[in-house]
Amino acid sequence: MKKLVYFGLILLLIACKNEKKQSEDQEPQIEAKEDVRKIEVLDTLSVPQFQYWSHNNVVTTDQGNGIVKFNRTDASVAGYSSINNIGVFAGSKYRVTAMVKKGAKGNQFGLRLSSVYPNRADAVFDLTNGTVVGTYSNGDFENESANIELVGEDWYKCSISAEVFSNKIFVFLGSTNESKRVSHWEGKGGEKYESDIYINKDNILIEEIGL
């Protein structure tokens, strides 16, 4: 009798073990996924030809293949280039992207979206370390963000985006350095110095993107 009970216990243990193994085999495997939200491009705006850009205390030199050297000969005075009067939809979000390379005397790049001054969104990029130095916004511009990406041979893709509450914007760009605040990267002040960068004028993008 004891042998029968012992044999029955063994069969029960084997059955429980098989059931547990089958349950483990059938358990679904959860795959970890990176949470990356794709930015939706709603529209690409037309960028005026380079001859229609404005330049303030900046000397530009054509290097060929769309590359232009922007030389801020005295960065103690205000200096920048700008693309003016771009029509947009108030309440939408816009992104400006530029392909930039540091020059022999400059390693920081400033990029701005603006309406009527002082309403603006600013970003400054370090072209040596490939980092965003900082961002700033006020007035007609909210929820600003910036990104920098190395694309090869010391060239970086720099972008700034923000929600815009104006029907017209201006894009400002140019060289700067560590002595300038992010919100006044193009402004006067500080010691006299020369600063230069290279920009691919044919690769400037102005896009309306999803909120």
N, C-alpha and C. Protein backbone atom coordinates (compact mmCIF):
# COMPACT_ATOMS: atom_id res chain seq x y z
N MET A 1 0.85 -1.21 0.00
CA MET A 1 0.00 0.00 0.00
C MET A 1 0.88 1.26 0.00
N LYS A 2 1.91 1.20 0.90
CA LYS A 2 2.82 2.36 0.96
C LYS A 2 3.52 2.59 -0.38
N LYS A 3 3.84 1.48 -1.08
CA LYS A 3 4.49 1.61 -2.38
C LYS A 3 3.58 2.31 -3.38
N LEU A 4 2.28 1.99 -3.33
CA LEU A 4 1.32 2.62 -4.25
C LEU A 4 1.20 4.12 -3.98
N VAL A 5 1.14 4.48 -2.71
CA VAL A 5 1.05 5.91 -2.34
C VAL A 5 2.31 6.65 -2.80
N TYR A 6 3.48 6.03 -2.55
CA TYR A 6 4.76 6.64 -2.93
C TYR A 6 4.84 6.83 -4.44
N PHE A 7 4.38 5.80 -5.19
CA PHE A 7 4.39 5.87 -6.66
C PHE A 7 3.45 6.96 -7.15
N GLY A 8 2.30 7.10 -6.49
CA GLY A 8 1.34 8.14 -6.87
C GLY A 8 1.90 9.53 -6.65
N LEU A 9 2.63 9.73 -5.55
CA LEU A 9 3.25 11.03 -5.28
C LEU A 9 4.29 11.39 -6.34
N ILE A 10 5.05 10.40 -6.77
CA ILE A 10 6.06 10.64 -7.81
C ILE A 10 5.39 11.08 -9.11
N LEU A 11 4.31 10.39 -9.49
CA LEU A 11 3.59 10.77 -10.71
C LEU A 11 3.03 12.18 -10.61
N LEU A 12 2.53 12.55 -9.43
CA LEU A 12 1.97 13.89 -9.23
C LEU A 12 3.05 14.96 -9.35
N LEU A 13 4.23 14.72 -8.80
CA LEU A 13 5.33 15.68 -8.89
C LEU A 13 5.79 15.86 -10.33
N ILE A 14 5.87 14.76 -11.08
CA ILE A 14 6.27 14.82 -12.48
C ILE A 14 5.26 15.63 -13.28
N ALA A 15 3.96 15.43 -13.03
CA ALA A 15 2.90 16.15 -13.75
C ALA A 15 2.97 17.65 -13.47
N CYS A 16 3.20 18.01 -12.19
CA CYS A 16 3.30 19.42 -11.81
C CYS A 16 4.50 20.09 -12.47
N LYS A 17 5.63 19.36 -12.51
CA LYS A 17 6.84 19.89 -13.13
C LYS A 17 6.64 20.14 -14.62
N ASN A 18 6.01 19.21 -15.31
CA ASN A 18 5.75 19.35 -16.75
C ASN A 18 4.82 20.53 -17.02
N GLU A 19 3.81 20.69 -16.14
CA GLU A 19 2.85 21.78 -16.33
C GLU A 19 3.54 23.13 -16.16
N LYS A 20 4.44 23.22 -15.14
CA LYS A 20 5.17 24.46 -14.92
C LYS A 20 6.08 24.79 -16.10
N LYS A 21 6.78 23.78 -16.64
CA LYS A 21 7.67 23.99 -17.79
C LYS A 21 6.90 24.46 -19.00
N GLN A 22 5.69 23.85 -19.22
CA GLN A 22 4.87 24.22 -20.37
C GLN A 22 4.41 25.67 -20.23
N SER A 23 4.06 26.04 -18.98
CA SER A 23 3.63 27.41 -18.73
C SER A 23 4.75 28.40 -19.02
N GLU A 24 6.00 28.06 -18.61
CA GLU A 24 7.14 28.93 -18.86
C GLU A 24 7.43 29.05 -20.34
N ASP A 25 7.28 27.91 -21.06
CA ASP A 25 7.54 27.93 -22.50
C ASP A 25 6.54 28.81 -23.23
N GLN A 26 5.32 28.89 -22.72
CA GLN A 26 4.27 29.64 -23.41
C GLN A 26 4.21 31.10 -22.98
N GLU A 27 5.00 31.47 -21.96
CA GLU A 27 4.97 32.85 -21.48
C GLU A 27 5.51 33.79 -22.56
N PRO A 28 4.74 34.83 -22.91
CA PRO A 28 5.18 35.74 -23.97
C PRO A 28 6.43 36.50 -23.59
N GLN A 29 7.34 36.71 -24.55
CA GLN A 29 8.57 37.46 -24.34
C GLN A 29 8.32 38.92 -24.70
N ILE A 30 8.54 39.83 -23.74
CA ILE A 30 8.31 41.25 -23.97
C ILE A 30 9.60 41.88 -24.45
N GLU A 31 9.57 42.45 -25.65
CA GLU A 31 10.76 43.05 -26.26
C GLU A 31 10.84 44.52 -25.88
N ALA A 32 11.97 44.93 -25.35
CA ALA A 32 12.17 46.34 -24.98
C ALA A 32 12.27 47.18 -26.25
N LYS A 33 11.53 48.28 -26.27
CA LYS A 33 11.54 49.16 -27.43
C LYS A 33 11.94 50.57 -26.99
N GLU A 34 12.74 51.23 -27.81
CA GLU A 34 13.16 52.58 -27.52
C GLU A 34 12.00 53.53 -27.79
N ASP A 35 11.73 54.42 -26.84
CA ASP A 35 10.63 55.36 -26.97
C ASP A 35 11.10 56.61 -27.70
N VAL A 36 11.03 56.57 -29.00
CA VAL A 36 11.47 57.69 -29.81
C VAL A 36 10.29 58.17 -30.66
N ARG A 37 9.93 59.45 -30.46
CA ARG A 37 8.81 60.00 -31.21
C ARG A 37 9.33 60.64 -32.50
N LYS A 38 8.85 60.17 -33.61
CA LYS A 38 9.26 60.71 -34.89
C LYS A 38 8.60 62.07 -35.10
N ILE A 39 9.41 63.05 -35.44
CA ILE A 39 8.89 64.39 -35.67
C ILE A 39 8.28 64.45 -37.06
N GLU A 40 7.03 64.84 -37.12
CA GLU A 40 6.31 64.90 -38.38
C GLU A 40 6.55 66.26 -39.05
N VAL A 41 7.03 66.24 -40.28
CA VAL A 41 7.21 67.46 -41.06
C VAL A 41 5.94 67.74 -41.84
N LEU A 42 5.29 68.85 -41.52
CA LEU A 42 4.01 69.20 -42.16
C LEU A 42 4.21 70.00 -43.43
N ASP A 43 5.27 70.81 -43.47
CA ASP A 43 5.50 71.65 -44.65
C ASP A 43 6.95 72.13 -44.63
N THR A 44 7.53 72.29 -45.81
CA THR A 44 8.87 72.85 -45.96
C THR A 44 8.75 74.20 -46.64
N LEU A 45 9.20 75.23 -45.98
CA LEU A 45 9.05 76.58 -46.50
C LEU A 45 10.18 76.93 -47.46
N SER A 46 9.89 77.84 -48.34
CA SER A 46 10.89 78.29 -49.31
C SER A 46 11.87 79.26 -48.64
N VAL A 47 13.16 79.01 -48.84
CA VAL A 47 14.20 79.88 -48.28
C VAL A 47 14.66 80.85 -49.37
N PRO A 48 14.64 82.15 -49.09
CA PRO A 48 15.07 83.13 -50.11
C PRO A 48 16.51 82.87 -50.58
N GLN A 49 16.80 83.23 -51.80
CA GLN A 49 18.15 83.09 -52.31
C GLN A 49 19.12 83.92 -51.49
N PHE A 50 20.37 83.49 -51.48
CA PHE A 50 21.38 84.09 -50.61
C PHE A 50 21.53 85.59 -50.87
N GLN A 51 21.36 86.02 -52.09
CA GLN A 51 21.53 87.44 -52.42
C GLN A 51 20.52 88.34 -51.71
N TYR A 52 19.43 87.72 -51.20
CA TYR A 52 18.40 88.49 -50.52
C TYR A 52 18.54 88.42 -48.99
N TRP A 53 19.56 87.73 -48.49
CA TRP A 53 19.80 87.73 -47.04
C TRP A 53 20.37 89.09 -46.64
N SER A 54 20.21 89.42 -45.38
CA SER A 54 20.79 90.66 -44.86
C SER A 54 22.02 90.32 -44.01
N HIS A 55 23.02 91.21 -44.01
CA HIS A 55 24.25 90.97 -43.25
C HIS A 55 24.61 92.24 -42.47
N ASN A 56 24.85 92.08 -41.20
CA ASN A 56 25.18 93.21 -40.34
C ASN A 56 26.54 92.94 -39.69
N ASN A 57 27.54 93.73 -40.12
CA ASN A 57 28.91 93.57 -39.62
C ASN A 57 29.44 92.15 -39.81
N VAL A 58 29.09 91.57 -40.95
CA VAL A 58 29.56 90.24 -41.32
C VAL A 58 30.06 90.28 -42.76
N VAL A 59 31.24 89.72 -43.00
CA VAL A 59 31.79 89.63 -44.35
C VAL A 59 31.61 88.19 -44.82
N THR A 60 30.97 88.01 -45.97
CA THR A 60 30.74 86.66 -46.50
C THR A 60 31.65 86.41 -47.70
N THR A 61 32.19 85.18 -47.76
CA THR A 61 33.06 84.80 -48.86
C THR A 61 32.61 83.46 -49.41
N ASP A 62 32.29 83.43 -50.70
CA ASP A 62 31.84 82.21 -51.35
C ASP A 62 32.99 81.22 -51.48
N GLN A 63 32.80 80.00 -50.95
CA GLN A 63 33.84 78.97 -51.01
C GLN A 63 33.56 77.92 -52.09
N GLY A 64 32.43 78.05 -52.79
CA GLY A 64 32.05 77.08 -53.79
C GLY A 64 31.21 75.95 -53.22
N ASN A 65 30.46 75.29 -54.08
CA ASN A 65 29.61 74.16 -53.69
C ASN A 65 28.60 74.52 -52.61
N GLY A 66 28.15 75.75 -52.62
CA GLY A 66 27.14 76.19 -51.67
C GLY A 66 27.69 76.63 -50.33
N ILE A 67 29.01 76.49 -50.11
CA ILE A 67 29.63 76.83 -48.83
C ILE A 67 30.00 78.31 -48.80
N VAL A 68 29.62 78.97 -47.71
CA VAL A 68 29.95 80.39 -47.53
C VAL A 68 30.65 80.57 -46.19
N LYS A 69 31.74 81.32 -46.21
CA LYS A 69 32.42 81.69 -44.97
C LYS A 69 31.81 82.97 -44.44
N PHE A 70 31.37 82.94 -43.18
CA PHE A 70 30.80 84.09 -42.52
C PHE A 70 31.83 84.60 -41.50
N ASN A 71 32.39 85.77 -41.75
CA ASN A 71 33.45 86.31 -40.91
C ASN A 71 32.93 87.53 -40.14
N ARG A 72 32.86 87.38 -38.84
CA ARG A 72 32.49 88.49 -37.96
C ARG A 72 33.79 89.16 -37.54
N THR A 73 34.16 90.22 -38.25
CA THR A 73 35.50 90.79 -38.11
C THR A 73 35.72 91.47 -36.77
N ASP A 74 34.66 91.95 -36.14
CA ASP A 74 34.77 92.54 -34.80
C ASP A 74 33.55 92.14 -34.00
N ALA A 75 33.71 91.10 -33.20
CA ALA A 75 32.56 90.57 -32.47
C ALA A 75 32.23 91.37 -31.21
N SER A 76 32.94 92.48 -30.98
CA SER A 76 32.56 93.36 -29.88
C SER A 76 31.39 94.25 -30.27
N VAL A 77 31.04 94.28 -31.56
CA VAL A 77 29.84 94.97 -32.04
C VAL A 77 28.86 93.92 -32.54
N ALA A 78 27.59 94.27 -32.64
CA ALA A 78 26.57 93.32 -33.08
C ALA A 78 26.86 92.84 -34.49
N GLY A 79 26.75 91.53 -34.71
CA GLY A 79 27.02 90.98 -36.03
C GLY A 79 26.23 89.71 -36.29
N TYR A 80 25.59 89.64 -37.45
CA TYR A 80 24.76 88.48 -37.78
C TYR A 80 24.34 88.57 -39.25
N SER A 81 23.81 87.46 -39.75
CA SER A 81 23.13 87.42 -41.05
C SER A 81 21.69 87.03 -40.78
N SER A 82 20.79 87.44 -41.65
CA SER A 82 19.37 87.15 -41.39
C SER A 82 18.61 86.87 -42.68
N ILE A 83 17.60 86.03 -42.53
CA ILE A 83 16.62 85.73 -43.58
C ILE A 83 15.31 86.32 -43.10
N ASN A 84 14.75 87.25 -43.85
CA ASN A 84 13.66 88.10 -43.32
C ASN A 84 12.28 87.78 -43.89
N ASN A 85 11.27 88.13 -43.10
CA ASN A 85 9.86 88.14 -43.53
C ASN A 85 9.38 86.82 -44.12
N ILE A 86 9.44 85.78 -43.31
CA ILE A 86 8.97 84.46 -43.73
C ILE A 86 7.57 84.25 -43.15
N GLY A 87 6.59 84.06 -44.02
CA GLY A 87 5.22 83.90 -43.57
C GLY A 87 4.99 82.53 -42.92
N VAL A 88 4.34 82.53 -41.75
CA VAL A 88 4.06 81.29 -41.02
C VAL A 88 2.63 81.35 -40.47
N PHE A 89 2.19 80.24 -39.88
CA PHE A 89 0.88 80.17 -39.24
C PHE A 89 1.06 80.30 -37.73
N ALA A 90 0.45 81.33 -37.17
CA ALA A 90 0.55 81.53 -35.73
C ALA A 90 -0.06 80.35 -34.99
N GLY A 91 0.62 79.88 -33.94
CA GLY A 91 0.16 78.74 -33.17
C GLY A 91 0.74 77.42 -33.63
N SER A 92 1.55 77.45 -34.69
CA SER A 92 2.19 76.24 -35.20
C SER A 92 3.63 76.17 -34.69
N LYS A 93 4.27 75.04 -34.94
CA LYS A 93 5.64 74.84 -34.51
C LYS A 93 6.56 74.79 -35.72
N TYR A 94 7.71 75.46 -35.61
CA TYR A 94 8.64 75.53 -36.74
C TYR A 94 10.04 75.14 -36.29
N ARG A 95 10.79 74.59 -37.26
CA ARG A 95 12.16 74.18 -37.02
C ARG A 95 13.06 74.74 -38.12
N VAL A 96 14.20 75.28 -37.71
CA VAL A 96 15.20 75.77 -38.66
C VAL A 96 16.46 74.94 -38.49
N THR A 97 16.99 74.46 -39.61
CA THR A 97 18.17 73.60 -39.59
C THR A 97 19.25 74.18 -40.50
N ALA A 98 20.49 74.16 -40.03
CA ALA A 98 21.61 74.66 -40.82
C ALA A 98 22.79 73.69 -40.71
N MET A 99 23.54 73.55 -41.80
CA MET A 99 24.76 72.74 -41.83
C MET A 99 25.93 73.68 -41.61
N VAL A 100 26.69 73.46 -40.53
CA VAL A 100 27.69 74.43 -40.10
C VAL A 100 29.01 73.75 -39.75
N LYS A 101 30.10 74.46 -40.00
CA LYS A 101 31.44 73.98 -39.65
C LYS A 101 32.20 75.14 -39.01
N LYS A 102 32.96 74.84 -37.98
CA LYS A 102 33.71 75.90 -37.30
C LYS A 102 34.81 76.44 -38.21
N GLY A 103 35.16 77.70 -37.98
CA GLY A 103 36.24 78.31 -38.74
C GLY A 103 37.54 78.27 -37.97
N ALA A 104 38.53 78.97 -38.47
CA ALA A 104 39.85 78.98 -37.82
C ALA A 104 39.82 79.82 -36.55
N LYS A 105 38.88 80.78 -36.49
CA LYS A 105 38.84 81.70 -35.35
C LYS A 105 37.50 81.69 -34.61
N GLY A 106 36.69 80.71 -34.90
CA GLY A 106 35.40 80.65 -34.22
C GLY A 106 34.93 79.22 -34.03
N ASN A 107 34.29 78.95 -32.89
CA ASN A 107 33.84 77.58 -32.66
C ASN A 107 32.42 77.49 -32.12
N GLN A 108 31.71 78.63 -32.08
CA GLN A 108 30.33 78.59 -31.64
C GLN A 108 29.42 79.22 -32.68
N PHE A 109 28.21 78.66 -32.78
CA PHE A 109 27.24 79.08 -33.79
C PHE A 109 25.93 79.45 -33.11
N GLY A 110 25.41 80.62 -33.46
CA GLY A 110 24.13 81.07 -32.92
C GLY A 110 23.04 81.00 -33.96
N LEU A 111 21.85 80.58 -33.52
CA LEU A 111 20.70 80.44 -34.42
C LEU A 111 19.47 80.98 -33.70
N ARG A 112 18.68 81.80 -34.41
CA ARG A 112 17.55 82.47 -33.77
C ARG A 112 16.32 82.47 -34.68
N LEU A 113 15.17 82.25 -34.06
CA LEU A 113 13.87 82.53 -34.65
C LEU A 113 13.33 83.79 -33.99
N SER A 114 12.86 84.75 -34.76
CA SER A 114 12.42 86.00 -34.17
C SER A 114 11.19 86.54 -34.89
N SER A 115 10.40 87.33 -34.17
CA SER A 115 9.34 88.11 -34.81
C SER A 115 9.72 89.57 -34.55
N VAL A 116 8.85 90.34 -33.95
CA VAL A 116 9.20 91.72 -33.58
C VAL A 116 10.06 91.66 -32.31
N TYR A 117 11.26 92.22 -32.38
CA TYR A 117 12.18 92.18 -31.24
C TYR A 117 11.52 92.84 -30.03
N PRO A 118 11.63 92.26 -28.82
CA PRO A 118 12.56 91.20 -28.40
C PRO A 118 11.98 89.79 -28.41
N ASN A 119 10.85 89.56 -29.11
CA ASN A 119 10.27 88.21 -29.17
C ASN A 119 11.20 87.30 -29.98
N ARG A 120 11.65 86.19 -29.36
CA ARG A 120 12.61 85.36 -30.08
C ARG A 120 12.83 84.03 -29.37
N ALA A 121 13.44 83.09 -30.10
CA ALA A 121 13.96 81.83 -29.55
C ALA A 121 15.39 81.67 -30.04
N ASP A 122 16.31 81.41 -29.13
CA ASP A 122 17.73 81.33 -29.45
C ASP A 122 18.31 79.98 -29.08
N ALA A 123 19.34 79.59 -29.82
CA ALA A 123 20.14 78.42 -29.46
C ALA A 123 21.59 78.70 -29.86
N VAL A 124 22.52 78.25 -29.02
CA VAL A 124 23.95 78.37 -29.32
C VAL A 124 24.56 76.98 -29.29
N PHE A 125 25.41 76.70 -30.28
CA PHE A 125 25.99 75.37 -30.46
C PHE A 125 27.52 75.47 -30.40
N ASP A 126 28.13 74.49 -29.74
CA ASP A 126 29.59 74.38 -29.69
C ASP A 126 30.03 73.44 -30.82
N LEU A 127 30.76 73.99 -31.78
CA LEU A 127 31.16 73.23 -32.97
C LEU A 127 32.46 72.47 -32.77
N THR A 128 33.04 72.58 -31.60
CA THR A 128 34.21 71.77 -31.26
C THR A 128 33.80 70.50 -30.55
N ASN A 129 32.92 70.64 -29.57
CA ASN A 129 32.49 69.49 -28.78
C ASN A 129 31.22 68.84 -29.30
N GLY A 130 30.53 69.51 -30.23
CA GLY A 130 29.29 68.95 -30.76
C GLY A 130 28.17 68.95 -29.72
N THR A 131 28.03 70.06 -28.99
CA THR A 131 27.03 70.15 -27.94
C THR A 131 26.18 71.41 -28.10
N VAL A 132 25.00 71.37 -27.49
CA VAL A 132 24.15 72.55 -27.41
C VAL A 132 24.56 73.32 -26.16
N VAL A 133 25.03 74.55 -26.32
CA VAL A 133 25.45 75.36 -25.19
C VAL A 133 24.25 75.75 -24.34
N GLY A 134 23.15 76.13 -25.02
CA GLY A 134 21.94 76.51 -24.29
C GLY A 134 20.88 77.04 -25.23
N THR A 135 19.67 77.23 -24.69
CA THR A 135 18.55 77.78 -25.45
C THR A 135 17.87 78.87 -24.62
N TYR A 136 17.05 79.67 -25.32
CA TYR A 136 16.34 80.77 -24.66
C TYR A 136 15.13 81.11 -25.51
N SER A 137 14.03 81.53 -24.88
CA SER A 137 12.87 82.01 -25.64
C SER A 137 12.06 82.98 -24.79
N ASN A 138 11.33 83.86 -25.46
CA ASN A 138 10.37 84.72 -24.78
C ASN A 138 9.34 85.24 -25.77
N GLY A 139 8.28 85.85 -25.25
CA GLY A 139 7.28 86.49 -26.10
C GLY A 139 6.53 85.53 -27.00
N ASP A 140 6.65 85.72 -28.30
CA ASP A 140 5.91 84.95 -29.31
C ASP A 140 6.43 83.53 -29.49
N PHE A 141 7.43 83.12 -28.75
CA PHE A 141 8.06 81.82 -28.94
C PHE A 141 8.07 81.04 -27.62
N GLU A 142 7.61 79.78 -27.70
CA GLU A 142 7.52 78.95 -26.51
C GLU A 142 8.02 77.54 -26.81
N ASN A 143 8.36 76.82 -25.75
CA ASN A 143 8.77 75.40 -25.83
C ASN A 143 9.88 75.18 -26.85
N GLU A 144 10.91 76.00 -26.74
CA GLU A 144 12.04 75.88 -27.68
C GLU A 144 12.89 74.65 -27.34
N SER A 145 13.52 74.10 -28.36
CA SER A 145 14.46 73.01 -28.18
C SER A 145 15.51 73.09 -29.28
N ALA A 146 16.65 72.44 -29.05
CA ALA A 146 17.74 72.50 -30.03
C ALA A 146 18.42 71.15 -30.11
N ASN A 147 19.03 70.89 -31.27
CA ASN A 147 19.72 69.62 -31.48
C ASN A 147 20.93 69.85 -32.37
N ILE A 148 21.99 69.07 -32.10
CA ILE A 148 23.19 69.12 -32.94
C ILE A 148 23.61 67.70 -33.26
N GLU A 149 24.01 67.47 -34.52
CA GLU A 149 24.36 66.12 -34.98
C GLU A 149 25.56 66.21 -35.91
N LEU A 150 26.58 65.42 -35.62
CA LEU A 150 27.76 65.37 -36.49
C LEU A 150 27.42 64.61 -37.76
N VAL A 151 27.71 65.22 -38.92
CA VAL A 151 27.40 64.58 -40.19
C VAL A 151 28.65 64.25 -41.00
N GLY A 152 29.83 64.55 -40.43
CA GLY A 152 31.07 64.16 -41.10
C GLY A 152 31.99 65.32 -41.41
N GLU A 153 33.31 65.06 -41.30
CA GLU A 153 34.34 66.05 -41.65
C GLU A 153 34.13 67.38 -40.93
N ASP A 154 33.83 67.33 -39.63
CA ASP A 154 33.65 68.51 -38.78
C ASP A 154 32.40 69.33 -39.10
N TRP A 155 31.53 68.78 -39.94
CA TRP A 155 30.27 69.46 -40.25
C TRP A 155 29.19 68.98 -39.29
N TYR A 156 28.41 69.93 -38.79
CA TYR A 156 27.32 69.62 -37.87
C TYR A 156 25.98 70.11 -38.44
N LYS A 157 24.96 69.34 -38.17
CA LYS A 157 23.59 69.76 -38.48
C LYS A 157 22.99 70.32 -37.20
N CYS A 158 22.75 71.62 -37.20
CA CYS A 158 22.24 72.31 -36.02
C CYS A 158 20.80 72.76 -36.27
N SER A 159 19.93 72.55 -35.29
CA SER A 159 18.54 72.94 -35.48
C SER A 159 17.95 73.51 -34.21
N ILE A 160 17.02 74.42 -34.39
CA ILE A 160 16.23 74.98 -33.30
C ILE A 160 14.76 74.90 -33.70
N SER A 161 13.92 74.58 -32.74
CA SER A 161 12.48 74.53 -33.00
C SER A 161 11.74 75.21 -31.87
N ALA A 162 10.56 75.74 -32.17
CA ALA A 162 9.76 76.41 -31.15
C ALA A 162 8.34 76.58 -31.67
N GLU A 163 7.41 76.70 -30.73
CA GLU A 163 6.05 77.07 -31.08
C GLU A 163 6.02 78.58 -31.32
N VAL A 164 5.39 78.99 -32.42
CA VAL A 164 5.44 80.39 -32.85
C VAL A 164 4.04 81.00 -32.79
N PHE A 165 3.94 82.15 -32.15
CA PHE A 165 2.65 82.84 -32.04
C PHE A 165 2.75 84.20 -32.74
N SER A 166 3.12 84.10 -34.02
CA SER A 166 3.24 85.25 -34.91
C SER A 166 3.00 84.74 -36.32
N ASN A 167 2.61 85.62 -37.24
CA ASN A 167 2.40 85.18 -38.62
C ASN A 167 3.58 85.52 -39.53
N LYS A 168 4.69 85.94 -38.91
CA LYS A 168 5.88 86.26 -39.69
C LYS A 168 7.10 86.05 -38.79
N ILE A 169 8.14 85.42 -39.36
CA ILE A 169 9.37 85.21 -38.59
C ILE A 169 10.59 85.65 -39.38
N PHE A 170 11.67 85.84 -38.64
CA PHE A 170 12.99 86.13 -39.18
C PHE A 170 13.95 85.06 -38.64
N VAL A 171 14.92 84.68 -39.45
CA VAL A 171 15.94 83.73 -39.01
C VAL A 171 17.28 84.45 -38.96
N PHE A 172 17.91 84.43 -37.78
CA PHE A 172 19.23 85.03 -37.60
C PHE A 172 20.24 83.91 -37.37
N LEU A 173 21.43 84.07 -37.95
CA LEU A 173 22.49 83.08 -37.75
C LEU A 173 23.85 83.74 -37.84
N GLY A 174 24.81 83.12 -37.16
CA GLY A 174 26.16 83.67 -37.20
C GLY A 174 27.06 83.08 -36.15
N SER A 175 28.30 83.55 -36.14
CA SER A 175 29.29 83.05 -35.19
C SER A 175 29.22 83.83 -33.87
N THR A 176 29.68 83.17 -32.81
CA THR A 176 29.71 83.80 -31.50
C THR A 176 30.79 83.09 -30.68
N ASN A 177 30.90 83.47 -29.40
CA ASN A 177 31.86 82.77 -28.54
C ASN A 177 31.37 82.74 -27.10
N GLU A 178 32.21 82.22 -26.21
CA GLU A 178 31.82 81.96 -24.83
C GLU A 178 31.51 83.23 -24.05
N SER A 179 31.97 84.38 -24.53
CA SER A 179 31.75 85.62 -23.78
C SER A 179 30.32 86.14 -23.91
N LYS A 180 29.56 85.59 -24.85
CA LYS A 180 28.20 86.07 -25.09
C LYS A 180 27.17 85.18 -24.41
N ARG A 181 26.12 85.78 -23.89
CA ARG A 181 25.00 85.01 -23.37
C ARG A 181 24.22 84.39 -24.52
N VAL A 182 23.57 83.28 -24.25
CA VAL A 182 22.78 82.61 -25.30
C VAL A 182 21.74 83.56 -25.88
N SER A 183 21.10 84.34 -25.03
CA SER A 183 20.03 85.24 -25.49
C SER A 183 20.56 86.46 -26.24
N HIS A 184 21.88 86.69 -26.21
CA HIS A 184 22.47 87.83 -26.91
C HIS A 184 23.74 87.41 -27.64
N TRP A 185 23.69 86.24 -28.28
CA TRP A 185 24.88 85.71 -28.94
C TRP A 185 25.38 86.62 -30.06
N GLU A 186 24.45 87.39 -30.67
CA GLU A 186 24.81 88.24 -31.80
C GLU A 186 25.17 89.66 -31.37
N GLY A 187 25.01 89.97 -30.06
CA GLY A 187 25.07 91.35 -29.60
C GLY A 187 26.47 91.91 -29.43
N LYS A 188 26.50 93.19 -29.09
CA LYS A 188 27.77 93.88 -28.86
C LYS A 188 28.24 93.64 -27.43
N GLY A 189 29.50 94.02 -27.20
CA GLY A 189 30.04 93.89 -25.86
C GLY A 189 31.22 92.95 -25.82
N GLY A 190 32.03 93.08 -24.78
CA GLY A 190 33.19 92.22 -24.63
C GLY A 190 34.38 92.75 -25.41
N GLU A 191 35.44 91.98 -25.39
CA GLU A 191 36.66 92.39 -26.07
C GLU A 191 36.51 92.23 -27.58
N LYS A 192 37.31 93.02 -28.30
CA LYS A 192 37.31 92.93 -29.76
C LYS A 192 37.98 91.62 -30.18
N TYR A 193 37.31 90.85 -31.01
CA TYR A 193 37.90 89.62 -31.52
C TYR A 193 37.26 89.28 -32.86
N GLU A 194 37.91 88.41 -33.60
CA GLU A 194 37.40 87.98 -34.91
C GLU A 194 36.87 86.56 -34.79
N SER A 195 35.75 86.29 -35.45
CA SER A 195 35.12 84.97 -35.34
C SER A 195 34.54 84.59 -36.70
N ASP A 196 34.79 83.35 -37.12
CA ASP A 196 34.29 82.92 -38.43
C ASP A 196 33.74 81.49 -38.36
N ILE A 197 32.81 81.21 -39.24
CA ILE A 197 32.24 79.87 -39.40
C ILE A 197 31.91 79.66 -40.87
N TYR A 198 31.65 78.39 -41.22
CA TYR A 198 31.24 78.04 -42.58
C TYR A 198 29.81 77.48 -42.53
N ILE A 199 28.99 77.94 -43.46
CA ILE A 199 27.60 77.49 -43.54
C ILE A 199 27.29 77.08 -44.97
N ASN A 200 26.58 75.97 -45.12
CA ASN A 200 26.10 75.57 -46.45
C ASN A 200 24.77 76.29 -46.69
N LYS A 201 24.82 77.34 -47.48
CA LYS A 201 23.64 78.18 -47.70
C LYS A 201 22.53 77.44 -48.44
N ASP A 202 22.90 76.39 -49.17
CA ASP A 202 21.89 75.66 -49.95
C ASP A 202 21.15 74.62 -49.12
N ASN A 203 21.61 74.38 -47.88
CA ASN A 203 21.00 73.35 -47.05
C ASN A 203 20.23 73.91 -45.86
N ILE A 204 19.93 75.20 -45.89
CA ILE A 204 19.10 75.79 -44.83
C ILE A 204 17.68 75.27 -45.00
N LEU A 205 17.11 74.74 -43.92
CA LEU A 205 15.74 74.23 -43.96
C LEU A 205 14.89 74.99 -42.95
N ILE A 206 13.71 75.40 -43.39
CA ILE A 206 12.70 75.98 -42.51
C ILE A 206 11.45 75.15 -42.67
N GLU A 207 11.04 74.47 -41.59
CA GLU A 207 9.96 73.49 -41.69
C GLU A 207 8.89 73.73 -40.63
N GLU A 208 7.66 73.51 -41.02
CA GLU A 208 6.58 73.42 -40.04
C GLU A 208 6.51 71.97 -39.59
N ILE A 209 6.52 71.75 -38.28
CA ILE A 209 6.52 70.39 -37.76
C ILE A 209 5.35 70.18 -36.79
N GLY A 210 5.07 68.93 -36.50
CA GLY A 210 3.97 68.61 -35.60
C GLY A 210 4.25 69.06 -34.18
N LEU A 211 3.21 69.44 -33.48
CA LEU A 211 3.36 69.88 -32.08
C LEU A 211 3.68 68.71 -31.18
